[in-house]
Amino acid sequence: MEEMMDRNYKPEILIVDDNMEILDFLEDDLSDQFEIVRATNGAEALDILNRVLIDLIVCDVMMPEMDGFEVCKTIKSNLKNSHIPVILLTAKNSLNAKIEGLEIGADAYIEKPFSPEYLRAQIHSLLLNRNKVKEFFISSPFVHVNTTNIHKSDEAFLERIYEVIQQHLADPNLDVEKLADLMNMSRPTLYRRIKCISAVSPNELINMARLKKATELLIQHNYKIFEVSYLVGFSSQTHFGRNFQKYYGMSPSEYIQQINSRKNIIQS
């Protein structure tokens, strides 16, 4: 299932507006670079989010029944979708309206009439920032989470999932299914949220957390290598060694030797 979810595709943009002409205009302008999904009201937009993997949302503010502010607030308060960037479009040009949009979590606020080039620039900027976050977590998972330029909800989610993984790190049966249960989320939802933030799968994240903890234990010199392997949830020392070699480019014993060599240089 994870391989299917990881398929390559153009970013999916959800555009929300009760004006069909605006929807047609936005789709025509953006469809060359993005896959466009349309919604004519807030309720329809929220329903789509439950069925489609959306990368970014462009939403009008002035809509009947549920306006754009309420749509944005609902999205940003939902753990499943709060990572999705939201751009609000509005004819309201008052400072209070802008502040309200930003306070409920909107990532950008664009006044009508707007330049199509400016809208595309905002979309590319928000998607690029998310890609930078992904690159950071590929190279340094869980390192200084709060120093990265990510949304507060994403930061809180990563801290929470890291805490859950740490609590169950010694369990060799900890996998995406069990992690989803521990996080009170469905497996597809957990996969989508982690993948959007970190560009790695839940199982990869668990594996990296195991190895990161292993390096901490190896540095302490309080445990033998086979003991470390079981403490971080690997079923065997051989399995641990292969994973360690793949991630760090050296065996656990070579890693210990490298650490000892550095200590001797510092002390001499």
Protein backbone atom coordinates (compact mmCIF):
# COMPACT_ATOMS: atom_id res chain seq x y z
CA MET A 1 0.00 0.00 0.00
CA GLU A 2 2.80 2.43 0.84
CA GLU A 3 4.37 2.00 -2.59
CA MET A 4 1.02 2.90 -4.20
CA MET A 5 0.72 5.99 -2.05
CA ASP A 6 4.24 7.06 -3.00
CA ARG A 7 3.47 7.34 -6.71
CA ASN A 8 4.79 10.39 -8.55
CA TYR A 9 2.21 12.99 -9.52
CA LYS A 10 1.81 16.73 -9.95
CA PRO A 11 0.83 18.53 -6.72
CA GLU A 12 -2.91 18.34 -6.07
CA ILE A 13 -4.46 21.78 -5.58
CA LEU A 14 -7.98 22.11 -4.17
CA ILE A 15 -9.71 25.32 -5.30
CA VAL A 16 -12.84 26.36 -3.40
CA ASP A 17 -15.24 29.07 -4.63
CA ASP A 18 -19.00 29.39 -5.12
CA ASN A 19 -18.40 31.40 -8.31
CA MET A 20 -18.11 29.05 -11.28
CA GLU A 21 -16.33 31.66 -13.39
CA ILE A 22 -13.62 32.02 -10.76
CA LEU A 23 -13.27 28.24 -10.55
CA ASP A 24 -12.96 28.00 -14.33
CA PHE A 25 -10.40 30.82 -14.38
CA LEU A 26 -8.26 29.27 -11.61
CA GLU A 27 -8.38 25.81 -13.11
CA ASP A 28 -7.43 27.11 -16.56
CA ASP A 29 -4.53 29.11 -15.12
CA LEU A 30 -3.13 26.42 -12.80
CA SER A 31 -3.85 23.13 -14.54
CA ASP A 32 -0.64 23.17 -16.59
CA GLN A 33 1.45 22.76 -13.42
CA PHE A 34 -0.96 21.19 -10.95
CA GLU A 35 -3.72 18.62 -10.70
CA ILE A 36 -6.83 20.64 -9.92
CA VAL A 37 -9.71 19.49 -7.71
CA ARG A 38 -12.75 21.78 -7.46
CA ALA A 39 -15.28 22.48 -4.72
CA THR A 40 -18.16 24.95 -4.86
CA ASN A 41 -18.62 25.31 -1.09
CA GLY A 42 -16.90 24.65 2.22
CA ALA A 43 -18.75 21.44 3.06
CA GLU A 44 -17.82 19.93 -0.30
CA ALA A 45 -14.19 20.95 0.24
CA LEU A 46 -14.03 19.22 3.62
CA ASP A 47 -15.60 16.09 2.13
CA ILE A 48 -12.96 16.05 -0.63
CA LEU A 49 -10.18 16.25 1.97
CA ASN A 50 -11.42 12.96 3.42
CA ARG A 51 -11.08 11.24 0.05
CA VAL A 52 -8.24 12.92 -1.86
CA LEU A 53 -4.59 13.59 -0.98
CA ILE A 54 -4.42 17.38 -1.31
CA ASP A 55 -1.12 19.30 -1.27
CA LEU A 56 -2.46 22.86 -1.06
CA ILE A 57 -5.80 24.68 -0.87
CA VAL A 58 -6.87 27.95 -2.51
CA CYS A 59 -10.13 29.07 -0.91
CA ASP A 60 -12.41 32.08 -1.35
CA VAL A 61 -13.50 33.80 1.86
CA MET A 62 -16.95 35.08 0.87
CA MET A 63 -19.11 31.96 0.49
CA PRO A 64 -22.62 31.19 1.80
CA GLU A 65 -23.23 28.88 4.79
CA MET A 66 -19.55 28.16 5.51
CA ASP A 67 -17.14 30.95 4.60
CA GLY A 68 -13.44 30.59 3.90
CA PHE A 69 -12.45 31.56 7.43
CA GLU A 70 -14.53 28.69 8.85
CA VAL A 71 -13.16 26.27 6.24
CA CYS A 72 -9.58 27.24 7.10
CA LYS A 73 -10.24 27.06 10.84
CA THR A 74 -11.75 23.57 10.48
CA ILE A 75 -8.81 22.34 8.39
CA LYS A 76 -6.15 23.75 10.70
CA SER A 77 -7.81 22.38 13.85
CA ASN A 78 -7.96 18.84 12.40
CA LEU A 79 -4.82 16.78 13.04
CA LYS A 80 -5.36 14.88 9.80
CA ASN A 81 -5.31 17.94 7.54
CA SER A 82 -3.68 20.77 9.50
CA HIS A 83 -0.38 20.38 7.62
CA ILE A 84 -1.98 21.41 4.29
CA PRO A 85 -1.12 25.01 3.29
CA VAL A 86 -4.19 27.25 2.82
CA ILE A 87 -4.30 30.39 0.68
CA LEU A 88 -7.35 32.60 1.28
CA LEU A 89 -8.73 34.79 -1.53
CA THR A 90 -10.94 37.69 -0.57
CA ALA A 91 -12.34 41.04 -1.64
CA LYS A 92 -12.00 42.20 1.98
CA ASN A 93 -8.97 44.45 2.15
CA SER A 94 -9.21 45.54 5.78
CA LEU A 95 -6.35 44.92 8.18
CA ASN A 96 -8.73 43.15 10.60
CA ALA A 97 -9.73 40.67 7.89
CA LYS A 98 -6.08 39.89 7.16
CA ILE A 99 -5.33 39.43 10.84
CA GLU A 100 -8.35 37.13 11.26
CA GLY A 101 -7.20 34.97 8.35
CA LEU A 102 -3.68 34.62 9.69
CA GLU A 103 -4.83 33.99 13.26
CA ILE A 104 -6.90 30.98 12.21
CA GLY A 105 -3.88 29.48 10.48
CA ALA A 106 -4.04 30.66 6.85
CA ASP A 107 -0.61 30.43 5.23
CA ALA A 108 -1.25 33.30 2.81
CA TYR A 109 -3.92 35.96 2.29
CA ILE A 110 -4.46 37.39 -1.21
CA GLU A 111 -6.80 40.28 -2.03
CA LYS A 112 -9.06 40.34 -5.08
CA PRO A 113 -8.49 41.30 -7.81
CA PHE A 114 -5.18 39.44 -7.79
CA SER A 115 -2.42 38.74 -10.25
CA PRO A 116 -2.39 35.10 -11.46
CA GLU A 117 1.41 35.28 -11.46
CA TYR A 118 1.38 36.34 -7.80
CA LEU A 119 -0.93 33.47 -6.87
CA ARG A 120 1.32 30.96 -8.63
CA ALA A 121 4.35 32.44 -6.88
CA GLN A 122 2.64 32.01 -3.50
CA ILE A 123 1.74 28.41 -4.31
CA HIS A 124 5.29 27.56 -5.41
CA SER A 125 6.75 29.28 -2.34
CA LEU A 126 4.55 27.33 0.10
CA LEU A 127 5.23 24.01 -1.64
CA LEU A 128 8.98 24.76 -1.80
CA ASN A 129 9.08 25.47 1.94
CA ARG A 130 7.45 22.11 2.63
CA ASN A 131 10.03 20.40 0.42
CA LYS A 132 12.83 22.05 2.41
CA VAL A 133 11.28 20.66 5.58
CA LYS A 134 11.16 17.20 3.99
CA GLU A 135 14.83 17.42 3.01
CA PHE A 136 15.74 18.42 6.57
CA PHE A 137 14.04 15.40 8.09
CA ILE A 138 15.57 13.02 5.57
CA SER A 139 19.04 14.10 6.66
CA SER A 140 18.34 14.79 10.33
CA PRO A 141 15.19 13.07 11.61
CA PHE A 142 14.02 14.36 14.99
CA VAL A 143 17.06 16.63 15.40
CA HIS A 144 16.13 20.08 16.73
CA VAL A 145 12.55 19.81 15.52
CA ASN A 146 11.62 23.23 16.86
CA THR A 147 14.41 25.00 14.95
CA THR A 148 13.00 24.18 11.52
CA ASN A 149 10.67 26.51 9.64
CA ILE A 150 7.55 24.39 9.97
CA HIS A 151 3.99 25.02 11.04
CA LYS A 152 3.39 24.74 14.80
CA SER A 153 0.85 21.96 14.26
CA ASP A 154 3.47 19.96 12.32
CA GLU A 155 6.03 20.56 15.04
CA ALA A 156 3.61 19.38 17.73
CA PHE A 157 2.70 16.32 15.67
CA LEU A 158 6.36 15.34 15.16
CA GLU A 159 7.14 15.81 18.84
CA ARG A 160 4.16 13.66 19.76
CA ILE A 161 4.97 10.86 17.33
CA TYR A 162 8.63 10.89 18.43
CA GLU A 163 7.51 10.53 22.05
CA VAL A 164 5.24 7.60 21.17
CA ILE A 165 8.00 5.85 19.20
CA GLN A 166 10.48 6.35 22.06
CA GLN A 167 8.03 4.83 24.54
CA HIS A 168 7.72 1.65 22.43
CA LEU A 169 11.18 1.54 20.87
CA ALA A 170 12.14 -1.80 22.44
CA ASP A 171 9.07 -3.49 20.93
CA PRO A 172 10.24 -5.36 17.80
CA ASN A 173 6.60 -5.48 16.62
CA LEU A 174 6.31 -1.69 16.48
CA ASP A 175 5.33 -0.97 12.88
CA VAL A 176 3.07 1.42 11.01
CA GLU A 177 -0.07 -0.49 12.02
CA LYS A 178 0.77 -0.39 15.72
CA LEU A 179 1.99 3.20 15.52
CA ALA A 180 -1.29 4.25 13.89
CA ASP A 181 -3.22 2.61 16.75
CA LEU A 182 -1.03 4.33 19.36
CA MET A 183 -1.60 7.68 17.62
CA ASN A 184 -5.38 7.03 17.33
CA MET A 185 -5.18 7.49 13.58
CA SER A 186 -5.94 5.31 10.58
CA ARG A 187 -2.97 3.83 8.76
CA PRO A 188 -3.55 5.86 5.54
CA THR A 189 -3.96 9.09 7.54
CA LEU A 190 -0.77 8.49 9.52
CA TYR A 191 1.14 7.63 6.35
CA ARG A 192 -0.08 10.76 4.58
CA ARG A 193 0.71 13.09 7.50
CA ILE A 194 4.23 11.75 8.06
CA LYS A 195 4.99 11.60 4.34
CA CYS A 196 3.84 15.19 3.78
CA ILE A 197 6.04 16.53 6.59
CA SER A 198 9.14 14.35 6.44
CA ALA A 199 9.19 12.69 2.98
CA VAL A 200 9.79 9.30 4.62
CA SER A 201 7.35 6.52 5.44
CA PRO A 202 6.25 5.71 9.02
CA ASN A 203 8.31 2.50 9.00
CA GLU A 204 11.38 4.44 7.87
CA LEU A 205 10.79 6.96 10.64
CA ILE A 206 10.56 4.16 13.22
CA ASN A 207 13.75 2.60 11.86
CA MET A 208 15.64 5.90 11.98
CA ALA A 209 14.45 6.51 15.54
CA ARG A 210 15.74 3.04 16.54
CA LEU A 211 19.14 3.74 14.99
CA LYS A 212 19.39 7.23 16.46
CA LYS A 213 18.75 5.81 19.95
CA ALA A 214 21.26 3.06 19.23
CA THR A 215 24.02 5.60 18.59
CA GLU A 216 23.26 7.24 21.94
CA LEU A 217 23.52 3.89 23.74
CA LEU A 218 26.72 2.91 21.91
CA ILE A 219 28.38 6.20 22.89
CA GLN A 220 27.61 5.53 26.56
CA HIS A 221 29.62 2.26 26.49
CA ASN A 222 27.23 0.72 29.04
CA TYR A 223 25.93 -2.00 26.73
CA LYS A 224 27.35 -4.55 24.35
CA ILE A 225 26.29 -4.29 20.72
CA PHE A 226 23.88 -7.24 20.92
CA GLU A 227 22.27 -5.67 24.01
CA VAL A 228 21.80 -2.36 22.19
CA SER A 229 20.18 -4.13 19.25
CA TYR A 230 17.48 -5.61 21.50
CA LEU A 231 17.02 -2.42 23.52
CA VAL A 232 16.06 -0.52 20.37
CA GLY A 233 13.75 -3.22 19.05
CA PHE A 234 15.76 -5.17 16.45
CA SER A 235 15.01 -8.89 16.33
CA SER A 236 18.68 -9.82 16.00
CA GLN A 237 22.16 -8.32 16.11
CA THR A 238 22.59 -9.20 12.42
CA HIS A 239 19.47 -7.29 11.45
CA PHE A 240 20.63 -4.36 13.58
CA GLY A 241 24.09 -4.40 12.00
CA ARG A 242 22.73 -4.37 8.45
CA ASN A 243 20.43 -1.44 9.16
CA PHE A 244 23.16 0.47 10.97
CA GLN A 245 25.59 -0.07 8.08
CA LYS A 246 23.02 1.12 5.56
CA TYR A 247 22.19 4.29 7.47
CA TYR A 248 25.62 5.32 8.84
CA GLY A 249 27.95 3.72 6.29
CA MET A 250 29.78 1.71 8.94
CA SER A 251 29.16 -1.17 11.35
CA PRO A 252 28.28 -0.56 15.02
CA SER A 253 31.77 -1.72 16.08
CA GLU A 254 33.40 0.68 13.58
CA TYR A 255 31.18 3.45 14.91
CA ILE A 256 32.39 2.77 18.46
CA GLN A 257 36.01 2.78 17.28
CA GLN A 258 35.45 6.13 15.56
CA ILE A 259 33.95 7.62 18.72
CA ASN A 260 36.85 6.29 20.82
CA SER A 261 39.39 7.71 18.36
CA ARG A 262 37.80 11.15 18.59
CA LYS A 263 37.86 11.01 22.38
CA ASN A 264 41.55 10.06 22.38
CA ILE A 265 42.39 12.96 20.04
CA ILE A 266 40.51 15.40 22.26
CA GLN A 267 42.15 14.10 25.44
CA SER A 268 45.69 14.03 24.03
